[in-house]
Amino acid sequence: MASHLQALAEELRTLSRQAGRELDRVGAVAGRVDDLSQRIGKLVGFVGGITRVGQFVGAASGVKKGLDVFVAKLLSRNRGR
């Protein structure tokens, strides 16, 4: 009976060590996933910033074109007088 208990205790120690190694692996993978998600977050923020800048540039270009047309029509109207 004592040898059975010793065998079970040794098996339990072996399983505990294996579980500890597996938890270490899971922790390493979780660390990598966290690092990757932070990098993706930075990239998304960067792309979002570029998109906003592009929108502002497009709006400014549209306003400039509108002003150019307005001034051209105003000048042509004043030349006719």
C-alpha atoms as a PDB file:
ATOM      1  CA  MET A   1       0.000   0.000   0.000  1.00  0.00           C
ATOM      2  CA  ALA A   2       2.829   2.427   0.849  1.00  0.00           C
ATOM      3  CA  SER A   3       4.492   1.789  -2.504  1.00  0.00           C
ATOM      4  CA  HIS A   4       1.216   2.625  -4.267  1.00  0.00           C
ATOM      5  CA  LEU A   5       1.018   5.906  -2.377  1.00  0.00           C
ATOM      6  CA  GLN A   6       4.632   6.705  -3.224  1.00  0.00           C
ATOM      7  CA  ALA A   7       3.965   5.933  -6.894  1.00  0.00           C
ATOM      8  CA  LEU A   8       0.872   8.130  -6.882  1.00  0.00           C
ATOM      9  CA  ALA A   9       2.778  10.931  -5.146  1.00  0.00           C
ATOM     10  CA  GLU A  10       5.574  10.717  -7.742  1.00  0.00           C
ATOM     11  CA  GLU A  11       3.037  10.769 -10.570  1.00  0.00           C
ATOM     12  CA  LEU A  12       1.385  13.803  -8.986  1.00  0.00           C
ATOM     13  CA  ARG A  13       4.760  15.594  -8.789  1.00  0.00           C
ATOM     14  CA  THR A  14       5.441  14.784 -12.453  1.00  0.00           C
ATOM     15  CA  LEU A  15       2.027  16.058 -13.504  1.00  0.00           C
ATOM     16  CA  SER A  16       2.529  19.218 -11.428  1.00  0.00           C
ATOM     17  CA  ARG A  17       5.862  19.932 -13.146  1.00  0.00           C
ATOM     18  CA  GLN A  18       4.285  19.378 -16.563  1.00  0.00           C
ATOM     19  CA  ALA A  19       1.381  21.669 -15.666  1.00  0.00           C
ATOM     20  CA  GLY A  20       3.866  24.313 -14.519  1.00  0.00           C
ATOM     21  CA  ARG A  21       5.753  24.110 -17.825  1.00  0.00           C
ATOM     22  CA  GLU A  22       2.492  24.368 -19.769  1.00  0.00           C
ATOM     23  CA  LEU A  23       1.468  27.418 -17.746  1.00  0.00           C
ATOM     24  CA  ASP A  24       4.837  28.999 -18.533  1.00  0.00           C
ATOM     25  CA  ARG A  25       4.222  28.374 -22.243  1.00  0.00           C
ATOM     26  CA  VAL A  26       0.728  29.852 -22.039  1.00  0.00           C
ATOM     27  CA  GLY A  27       2.174  32.894 -20.252  1.00  0.00           C
ATOM     28  CA  ALA A  28       4.770  33.338 -22.999  1.00  0.00           C
ATOM     29  CA  VAL A  29       2.109  33.105 -25.714  1.00  0.00           C
ATOM     30  CA  ALA A  30      -0.093  35.584 -23.847  1.00  0.00           C
ATOM     31  CA  GLY A  31       2.853  37.984 -23.649  1.00  0.00           C
ATOM     32  CA  ARG A  32       3.408  37.718 -27.388  1.00  0.00           C
ATOM     33  CA  VAL A  33      -0.289  38.277 -28.095  1.00  0.00           C
ATOM     34  CA  ASP A  34      -0.257  41.362 -25.862  1.00  0.00           C
ATOM     35  CA  ASP A  35       2.804  42.733 -27.657  1.00  0.00           C
ATOM     36  CA  LEU A  36       1.225  42.070 -31.042  1.00  0.00           C
ATOM     37  CA  SER A  37      -2.059  43.709 -30.047  1.00  0.00           C
ATOM     38  CA  GLN A  38      -0.187  46.807 -28.874  1.00  0.00           C
ATOM     39  CA  ARG A  39       1.665  47.014 -32.187  1.00  0.00           C
ATOM     40  CA  ILE A  40      -1.582  46.601 -34.124  1.00  0.00           C
ATOM     41  CA  GLY A  41      -3.169  49.325 -31.982  1.00  0.00           C
ATOM     42  CA  LYS A  42      -0.325  51.698 -32.804  1.00  0.00           C
ATOM     43  CA  LEU A  43      -0.608  50.879 -36.511  1.00  0.00           C
ATOM     44  CA  VAL A  44      -4.363  51.448 -36.509  1.00  0.00           C
ATOM     45  CA  GLY A  45      -3.850  54.784 -34.742  1.00  0.00           C
ATOM     46  CA  PHE A  46      -1.220  55.785 -37.298  1.00  0.00           C
ATOM     47  CA  VAL A  47      -3.432  54.826 -40.246  1.00  0.00           C
ATOM     48  CA  GLY A  48      -6.348  56.674 -38.640  1.00  0.00           C
ATOM     49  CA  GLY A  49      -4.176  59.758 -38.311  1.00  0.00           C
ATOM     50  CA  ILE A  50      -3.159  59.571 -41.956  1.00  0.00           C
ATOM     51  CA  THR A  51      -6.799  59.204 -42.952  1.00  0.00           C
ATOM     52  CA  ARG A  52      -7.758  62.288 -40.953  1.00  0.00           C
ATOM     53  CA  VAL A  53      -4.906  64.281 -42.492  1.00  0.00           C
ATOM     54  CA  GLY A  54      -6.034  63.128 -45.933  1.00  0.00           C
ATOM     55  CA  GLN A  55      -9.566  64.264 -45.179  1.00  0.00           C
ATOM     56  CA  PHE A  56      -8.326  67.698 -44.077  1.00  0.00           C
ATOM     57  CA  VAL A  57      -6.153  68.026 -47.174  1.00  0.00           C
ATOM     58  CA  GLY A  58      -9.076  67.037 -49.393  1.00  0.00           C
ATOM     59  CA  ALA A  59     -11.377  69.523 -47.671  1.00  0.00           C
ATOM     60  CA  ALA A  60      -8.785  72.299 -47.925  1.00  0.00           C
ATOM     61  CA  SER A  61      -8.293  71.521 -51.610  1.00  0.00           C
ATOM     62  CA  GLY A  62     -12.045  71.707 -52.184  1.00  0.00           C
ATOM     63  CA  VAL A  63     -12.314  75.027 -50.351  1.00  0.00           C
ATOM     64  CA  LYS A  64      -9.382  76.442 -52.357  1.00  0.00           C
ATOM     65  CA  LYS A  65     -10.946  75.348 -55.645  1.00  0.00           C
ATOM     66  CA  GLY A  66     -14.275  76.866 -54.595  1.00  0.00           C
ATOM     67  CA  LEU A  67     -12.599  80.148 -53.686  1.00  0.00           C
ATOM     68  CA  ASP A  68     -10.682  80.161 -56.980  1.00  0.00           C
ATOM     69  CA  VAL A  69     -13.926  79.749 -58.932  1.00  0.00           C
ATOM     70  CA  PHE A  70     -15.660  82.412 -56.829  1.00  0.00           C
ATOM     71  CA  VAL A  71     -12.828  84.918 -57.337  1.00  0.00           C
ATOM     72  CA  ALA A  72     -12.628  84.150 -61.061  1.00  0.00           C
ATOM     73  CA  LYS A  73     -16.381  84.752 -61.486  1.00  0.00           C
ATOM     74  CA  LEU A  74     -16.220  87.902 -59.359  1.00  0.00           C
ATOM     75  CA  LEU A  75     -13.334  89.259 -61.418  1.00  0.00           C
ATOM     76  CA  SER A  76     -15.021  88.410 -64.719  1.00  0.00           C
ATOM     77  CA  ARG A  77     -18.219  90.069 -63.543  1.00  0.00           C
ATOM     78  CA  ASN A  78     -16.320  93.228 -62.527  1.00  0.00           C
ATOM     79  CA  ARG A  79     -14.493  93.344 -65.882  1.00  0.00           C
ATOM     80  CA  GLY A  80     -17.827  93.462 -67.696  1.00  0.00           C
ATOM     81  CA  ARG A  81     -18.812  96.707 -65.969  1.00  0.00           C
END
